[in-house]
Amino acid sequence: MKRFLFKISFYIIGIVAVLLSLGTFADGNTDDNYMHYTGTKPSSMILGDSRGVQAVVPDVLDSKLGKDKRFNNFAFSIAESPYGKVYLEAVKKKINQETKKGIFILTVDPWSLSLDKDIKNEAEYPEMKSALADMHFYDKSPNYEYLIKHYPRSWFYIYKEREAVAKSNTYLHKDGWMEVTVNVHPDTVVIREGKKIKEYEELVKVQRHSQERLTSFKEMIDFLKTKGTVYVVRIPASERMMEIETYYWADFSKTINEISEKQNVKFFDFSPQAKNYIYTDGNHMYKESGKIFTAQIADSILVSQKNLK
């Protein structure tokens, strides 16, 4: 029996060694979220859903607002990071606790402040199933906790599909920006947009404006104001998508503006400028438009800062 256990222990040690080695190859290709749980804790952050993670580029903010800020995009999706307790607690774990002069860009749209009509309690919130709800470590590289809990495939894929071989079409940078590389020929975009529009037309039927999420949004602002300056940004989508949002929540921008004024933070509403950008599917901004859009956010922040002096 002792000999058997001795032999087995070698196999176990060998398997663990292989897994530890494979984990070191985890990068922006691993999945859509892994890099959010790695790297140093940031002092300036971008929050929101999938519009935010694709449209707001940290490098552009760093270049215009100062490299000392070192922005991190900590936005996910409407299923994982709508404004709520789970997201707030995750931000508290992610942020550099010593931060006092950070800049925080909170991106908003109606969907990040809504809930399914059938949800009765917090236990049913969609984000309760996300990694944000059960992760403890947000600054480990490699982050074995994340890989063990939330990478469902064989770890050999981490090595086979690593960045050094070829960058994924949905590549998550170390600073949290998701770079999506797709064909944006108008004919192709129209097809993708049509599918996305149908998806959101169905979403409207089952969603409601959420006072609970609005309260959590205010709590997020309150917390981040203790760490620096907060700016709220509404990211536009295609004209057809904006029409759906107007139908669903006609006074959304007014609601956010009133909250921002009461919280004494600036609100930059870019929704009237929807025509100025290219979208991959009507909902998400194309990466080159995102760089232009991010520069406009930075310019708005600089003007705001100048007016305060």
Protein backbone atom coordinates (compact mmCIF):
# COMPACT_ATOMS: atom_id res chain seq x y z
CA MET A 1 0.00 0.00 0.00
CA LYS A 2 2.81 2.40 0.89
CA ARG A 3 4.54 1.60 -2.40
CA PHE A 4 1.31 2.26 -4.30
CA LEU A 5 0.78 5.61 -2.57
CA PHE A 6 4.41 6.49 -3.23
CA LYS A 7 3.99 5.84 -6.95
CA ILE A 8 0.68 7.69 -7.12
CA SER A 9 2.23 10.70 -5.44
CA PHE A 10 4.68 11.02 -8.34
CA TYR A 11 1.82 11.06 -10.84
CA ILE A 12 -0.03 13.70 -8.80
CA ILE A 13 3.08 15.85 -8.49
CA GLY A 14 3.69 15.48 -12.22
CA ILE A 15 0.12 16.53 -13.10
CA VAL A 16 0.28 19.53 -10.76
CA ALA A 17 3.63 20.57 -12.25
CA VAL A 18 2.19 20.40 -15.78
CA LEU A 19 -0.86 22.46 -14.80
CA LEU A 20 1.28 25.06 -13.04
CA SER A 21 3.41 25.33 -16.16
CA LEU A 22 0.43 25.62 -18.51
CA GLY A 23 -1.07 28.32 -16.30
CA THR A 24 1.92 30.57 -16.92
CA PHE A 25 0.87 30.87 -20.58
CA ALA A 26 -2.54 32.36 -19.74
CA ASP A 27 -2.96 35.72 -21.45
CA GLY A 28 -5.38 37.93 -23.36
CA ASN A 29 -6.35 35.01 -25.60
CA THR A 30 -7.35 32.70 -22.74
CA ASP A 31 -10.93 33.99 -22.53
CA ASP A 32 -12.85 37.27 -22.41
CA ASN A 33 -12.24 37.90 -18.70
CA TYR A 34 -8.98 36.36 -17.46
CA MET A 35 -6.80 39.48 -17.74
CA HIS A 36 -9.24 41.43 -15.54
CA TYR A 37 -8.06 39.29 -12.64
CA THR A 38 -4.33 39.86 -13.13
CA GLY A 39 -1.80 42.68 -12.92
CA THR A 40 -1.18 45.40 -10.37
CA LYS A 41 -4.08 47.01 -8.57
CA PRO A 42 -5.08 50.20 -10.42
CA SER A 43 -5.67 53.70 -9.10
CA SER A 44 -7.80 54.84 -12.07
CA MET A 45 -10.53 52.67 -13.55
CA ILE A 46 -13.17 52.36 -16.26
CA LEU A 47 -16.37 50.57 -15.25
CA GLY A 48 -19.43 49.36 -17.13
CA ASP A 49 -20.57 46.56 -19.41
CA SER A 50 -19.45 45.26 -22.81
CA ARG A 51 -19.87 48.66 -24.46
CA GLY A 52 -17.40 50.06 -21.97
CA VAL A 53 -14.84 47.29 -22.24
CA GLN A 54 -14.67 47.73 -26.03
CA ALA A 55 -15.16 51.48 -26.46
CA VAL A 56 -12.89 52.98 -23.77
CA VAL A 57 -9.16 52.52 -24.41
CA PRO A 58 -6.86 52.99 -21.39
CA ASP A 59 -3.78 53.77 -23.51
CA VAL A 60 -5.55 56.78 -25.00
CA LEU A 61 -6.57 58.06 -21.58
CA ASP A 62 -3.02 57.57 -20.27
CA SER A 63 -1.55 59.53 -23.16
CA LYS A 64 -3.93 62.47 -22.72
CA LEU A 65 -4.42 62.55 -18.95
CA GLY A 66 -0.96 61.48 -17.80
CA LYS A 67 0.89 58.17 -17.71
CA ASP A 68 0.89 58.35 -13.90
CA LYS A 69 -2.84 57.51 -13.95
CA ARG A 70 -2.38 54.11 -15.65
CA PHE A 71 -6.06 53.42 -16.34
CA ASN A 72 -7.47 49.91 -16.10
CA ASN A 73 -10.64 48.92 -17.91
CA PHE A 74 -12.65 46.84 -15.45
CA ALA A 75 -15.84 46.59 -17.51
CA PHE A 76 -17.39 43.21 -18.38
CA SER A 77 -20.94 42.65 -19.70
CA ILE A 78 -24.55 43.32 -18.74
CA ALA A 79 -24.78 39.78 -17.34
CA GLU A 80 -21.59 40.05 -15.28
CA SER A 81 -21.13 43.70 -14.31
CA PRO A 82 -24.43 45.55 -14.10
CA TYR A 83 -24.33 48.02 -11.23
CA GLY A 84 -24.99 46.10 -8.03
CA LYS A 85 -23.43 44.80 -4.83
CA VAL A 86 -21.38 42.13 -6.60
CA TYR A 87 -19.73 44.69 -8.88
CA LEU A 88 -19.09 47.13 -6.04
CA GLU A 89 -17.40 44.47 -3.90
CA ALA A 90 -15.28 43.39 -6.87
CA VAL A 91 -14.15 46.98 -7.47
CA LYS A 92 -13.19 47.25 -3.80
CA LYS A 93 -11.00 44.16 -4.22
CA LYS A 94 -9.50 45.32 -7.52
CA ILE A 95 -8.62 48.91 -6.66
CA ASN A 96 -5.38 50.05 -5.08
CA GLN A 97 -6.48 50.71 -1.50
CA GLU A 98 -4.06 53.63 -1.14
CA THR A 99 -5.70 55.54 -4.00
CA LYS A 100 -6.72 59.12 -3.22
CA LYS A 101 -6.37 60.98 -6.53
CA GLY A 102 -7.64 58.49 -9.07
CA ILE A 103 -9.96 59.11 -12.02
CA PHE A 104 -12.97 56.85 -12.43
CA ILE A 105 -15.07 56.65 -15.58
CA LEU A 106 -18.42 54.98 -14.99
CA THR A 107 -20.03 54.09 -18.32
CA VAL A 108 -23.79 53.66 -18.35
CA ASP A 109 -26.62 52.53 -20.59
CA PRO A 110 -30.18 51.46 -19.76
CA TRP A 111 -29.24 47.78 -19.69
CA SER A 112 -26.63 48.08 -16.94
CA LEU A 113 -29.31 49.60 -14.71
CA SER A 114 -32.13 47.15 -15.45
CA LEU A 115 -33.38 43.82 -14.15
CA ASP A 116 -35.43 40.97 -15.54
CA LYS A 117 -39.08 41.39 -14.57
CA ASP A 118 -39.24 37.88 -13.12
CA ILE A 119 -36.37 38.35 -10.67
CA LYS A 120 -37.67 38.31 -7.11
CA ASN A 121 -34.50 38.62 -4.99
CA GLU A 122 -30.77 39.27 -5.17
CA ALA A 123 -29.93 35.58 -5.28
CA GLU A 124 -31.48 35.51 -8.76
CA TYR A 125 -29.42 38.40 -10.14
CA PRO A 126 -27.46 37.28 -13.23
CA GLU A 127 -24.13 38.49 -11.84
CA MET A 128 -24.42 35.98 -8.99
CA LYS A 129 -23.27 33.38 -11.54
CA SER A 130 -20.27 35.42 -12.67
CA ALA A 131 -16.66 35.11 -11.59
CA LEU A 132 -17.01 38.48 -9.85
CA ALA A 133 -19.26 36.84 -7.28
CA ASP A 134 -16.72 34.31 -6.02
CA MET A 135 -13.22 35.55 -6.82
CA HIS A 136 -10.86 36.63 -4.05
CA PHE A 137 -7.71 37.54 -5.98
CA TYR A 138 -7.63 40.21 -8.70
CA ASP A 139 -3.92 40.87 -9.03
CA LYS A 140 -2.24 37.48 -9.48
CA SER A 141 -0.23 36.58 -12.59
CA PRO A 142 -0.88 33.80 -13.31
CA ASN A 143 -4.18 33.68 -11.47
CA TYR A 144 -4.65 30.01 -10.69
CA GLU A 145 -7.77 30.73 -8.65
CA TYR A 146 -9.51 32.05 -11.76
CA LEU A 147 -8.28 29.23 -13.99
CA ILE A 148 -9.37 26.55 -11.53
CA LYS A 149 -12.80 28.06 -10.93
CA HIS A 150 -13.67 29.57 -14.28
CA TYR A 151 -11.67 28.06 -17.14
CA PRO A 152 -13.77 25.04 -18.19
CA ARG A 153 -11.58 23.75 -21.03
CA SER A 154 -8.43 21.65 -20.94
CA TRP A 155 -5.49 23.80 -19.82
CA PHE A 156 -3.57 22.59 -22.86
CA TYR A 157 -5.70 25.07 -24.84
CA ILE A 158 -4.15 27.88 -22.81
CA TYR A 159 -0.81 26.92 -24.34
CA LYS A 160 -2.10 26.07 -27.82
CA GLU A 161 -4.08 29.31 -28.17
CA ARG A 162 -1.61 31.64 -26.49
CA GLU A 163 -0.99 35.15 -27.76
CA ALA A 164 2.49 34.26 -29.04
CA VAL A 165 0.89 31.98 -31.65
CA ALA A 166 -1.73 34.44 -32.90
CA LYS A 167 -3.79 37.22 -31.33
CA SER A 168 -7.45 36.35 -30.88
CA ASN A 169 -10.20 38.32 -32.63
CA THR A 170 -11.40 39.18 -29.13
CA TYR A 171 -8.15 40.01 -27.39
CA LEU A 172 -8.18 41.29 -23.81
CA HIS A 173 -5.20 43.57 -23.19
CA LYS A 174 -3.36 43.68 -19.88
CA ASP A 175 -5.01 47.03 -19.14
CA GLY A 176 -8.47 45.46 -19.54
CA TRP A 177 -9.39 46.83 -22.99
CA MET A 178 -11.01 44.26 -25.25
CA GLU A 179 -9.79 44.69 -28.80
CA VAL A 180 -12.34 43.18 -31.16
CA THR A 181 -11.12 42.65 -34.71
CA VAL A 182 -13.92 41.96 -37.18
CA ASN A 183 -14.92 42.90 -40.71
CA VAL A 184 -16.72 46.26 -40.58
CA HIS A 185 -17.73 46.40 -44.23
CA PRO A 186 -21.24 47.96 -44.22
CA ASP A 187 -22.88 44.83 -45.67
CA THR A 188 -21.40 42.68 -42.90
CA VAL A 189 -22.27 45.15 -40.16
CA VAL A 190 -25.90 45.34 -41.32
CA ILE A 191 -26.28 41.59 -40.86
CA ARG A 192 -24.75 41.61 -37.36
CA GLU A 193 -26.76 44.68 -36.39
CA GLY A 194 -29.99 43.05 -37.53
CA LYS A 195 -29.36 40.10 -35.21
CA LYS A 196 -28.45 42.37 -32.32
CA ILE A 197 -31.54 44.55 -32.84
CA LYS A 198 -33.79 41.48 -32.67
CA GLU A 199 -32.02 40.40 -29.47
CA TYR A 200 -32.67 43.75 -27.81
CA GLU A 201 -36.25 43.99 -29.06
CA GLU A 202 -36.84 40.78 -27.13
CA LEU A 203 -34.86 42.08 -24.14
CA VAL A 204 -37.14 45.11 -23.85
CA LYS A 205 -40.11 42.81 -23.29
CA VAL A 206 -38.61 41.16 -20.21
CA GLN A 207 -36.61 43.98 -18.58
CA ARG A 208 -37.63 46.75 -16.20
CA HIS A 209 -35.98 49.92 -14.93
CA SER A 210 -34.33 48.95 -11.67
CA GLN A 211 -34.41 51.20 -8.64
CA GLU A 212 -32.17 48.64 -6.95
CA ARG A 213 -29.49 49.09 -9.61
CA LEU A 214 -29.81 52.87 -9.52
CA THR A 215 -29.23 52.74 -5.77
CA SER A 216 -26.16 50.54 -6.33
CA PHE A 217 -24.93 52.96 -8.98
CA LYS A 218 -25.09 55.78 -6.44
CA GLU A 219 -23.24 53.62 -3.91
CA MET A 220 -20.51 52.97 -6.48
CA ILE A 221 -20.15 56.72 -7.01
CA ASP A 222 -20.04 57.33 -3.26
CA PHE A 223 -17.27 54.79 -2.78
CA LEU A 224 -15.14 55.98 -5.69
CA LYS A 225 -15.46 59.63 -4.66
CA THR A 226 -13.39 58.69 -1.60
CA LYS A 227 -10.66 57.52 -4.00
CA GLY A 228 -10.62 60.41 -6.46
CA THR A 229 -12.79 62.05 -9.12
CA VAL A 230 -15.75 60.32 -10.76
CA TYR A 231 -17.06 60.95 -14.27
CA VAL A 232 -20.21 59.33 -15.69
CA VAL A 233 -20.30 58.62 -19.43
CA ARG A 234 -23.15 57.42 -21.61
CA ILE A 235 -21.73 55.48 -24.55
CA PRO A 236 -23.80 55.70 -27.73
CA ALA A 237 -24.79 52.85 -30.02
CA SER A 238 -26.14 52.81 -33.57
CA GLU A 239 -29.20 54.93 -34.38
CA ARG A 240 -31.45 51.86 -34.48
CA MET A 241 -30.18 50.72 -31.10
CA MET A 242 -30.63 54.20 -29.63
CA GLU A 243 -34.23 54.16 -30.85
CA ILE A 244 -34.82 50.97 -28.87
CA GLU A 245 -33.24 52.54 -25.78
CA THR A 246 -35.39 55.66 -26.16
CA TYR A 247 -38.51 53.51 -26.44
CA TYR A 248 -37.48 51.47 -23.40
CA TRP A 249 -36.29 54.33 -21.15
CA ALA A 250 -37.13 57.69 -22.72
CA ASP A 251 -35.75 59.85 -19.92
CA PHE A 252 -32.66 57.75 -19.20
CA SER A 253 -30.16 60.56 -19.77
CA LYS A 254 -32.27 62.90 -17.65
CA THR A 255 -32.30 60.32 -14.83
CA ILE A 256 -28.52 59.90 -14.98
CA ASN A 257 -27.98 63.65 -15.15
CA GLU A 258 -30.11 64.21 -12.05
CA ILE A 259 -28.19 61.54 -10.15
CA SER A 260 -24.87 63.03 -11.28
CA GLU A 261 -25.88 66.52 -10.17
CA LYS A 262 -26.98 65.27 -6.75
CA GLN A 263 -23.73 63.31 -6.39
CA ASN A 264 -21.73 66.32 -7.60
CA VAL A 265 -20.05 64.45 -10.45
CA LYS A 266 -19.83 65.29 -14.16
CA PHE A 267 -22.02 63.48 -16.68
CA PHE A 268 -20.86 63.35 -20.31
CA ASP A 269 -23.73 62.24 -22.53
CA PHE A 270 -22.47 61.17 -25.95
CA SER A 271 -25.76 59.58 -27.04
CA PRO A 272 -26.70 62.49 -29.35
CA GLN A 273 -23.48 61.81 -31.28
CA ALA A 274 -24.38 58.23 -32.23
CA LYS A 275 -23.90 58.93 -35.95
CA ASN A 276 -20.25 59.86 -35.44
CA TYR A 277 -18.98 56.34 -34.77
CA ILE A 278 -18.69 52.93 -36.42
CA TYR A 279 -20.22 49.96 -34.64
CA THR A 280 -19.41 46.29 -35.12
CA ASP A 281 -22.97 45.12 -34.47
CA GLY A 282 -25.02 48.20 -33.65
CA ASN A 283 -24.28 47.84 -29.96
CA HIS A 284 -20.48 47.89 -29.64
CA MET A 285 -18.14 50.53 -30.96
CA TYR A 286 -15.48 49.49 -33.47
CA LYS A 287 -11.99 49.70 -32.01
CA GLU A 288 -10.84 52.63 -34.17
CA SER A 289 -13.96 54.61 -33.30
CA GLY A 290 -13.34 53.67 -29.68
CA LYS A 291 -9.96 55.38 -29.77
CA ILE A 292 -11.55 58.56 -31.11
CA PHE A 293 -14.36 58.31 -28.58
CA THR A 294 -11.92 57.79 -25.70
CA ALA A 295 -9.94 60.86 -26.76
CA GLN A 296 -13.19 62.84 -26.62
CA ILE A 297 -13.85 61.58 -23.08
CA ALA A 298 -10.32 62.65 -22.10
CA ASP A 299 -10.86 66.08 -23.67
CA SER A 300 -14.12 66.47 -21.74
CA ILE A 301 -12.31 65.59 -18.51
CA LEU A 302 -9.55 68.09 -19.25
CA VAL A 303 -12.08 70.85 -19.91
CA SER A 304 -13.89 69.95 -16.69
CA GLN A 305 -10.63 70.08 -14.73
CA LYS A 306 -9.70 73.41 -16.28
CA ASN A 307 -13.07 74.91 -15.36
CA LEU A 308 -12.53 73.93 -11.72
CA LYS A 309 -9.28 75.90 -11.50
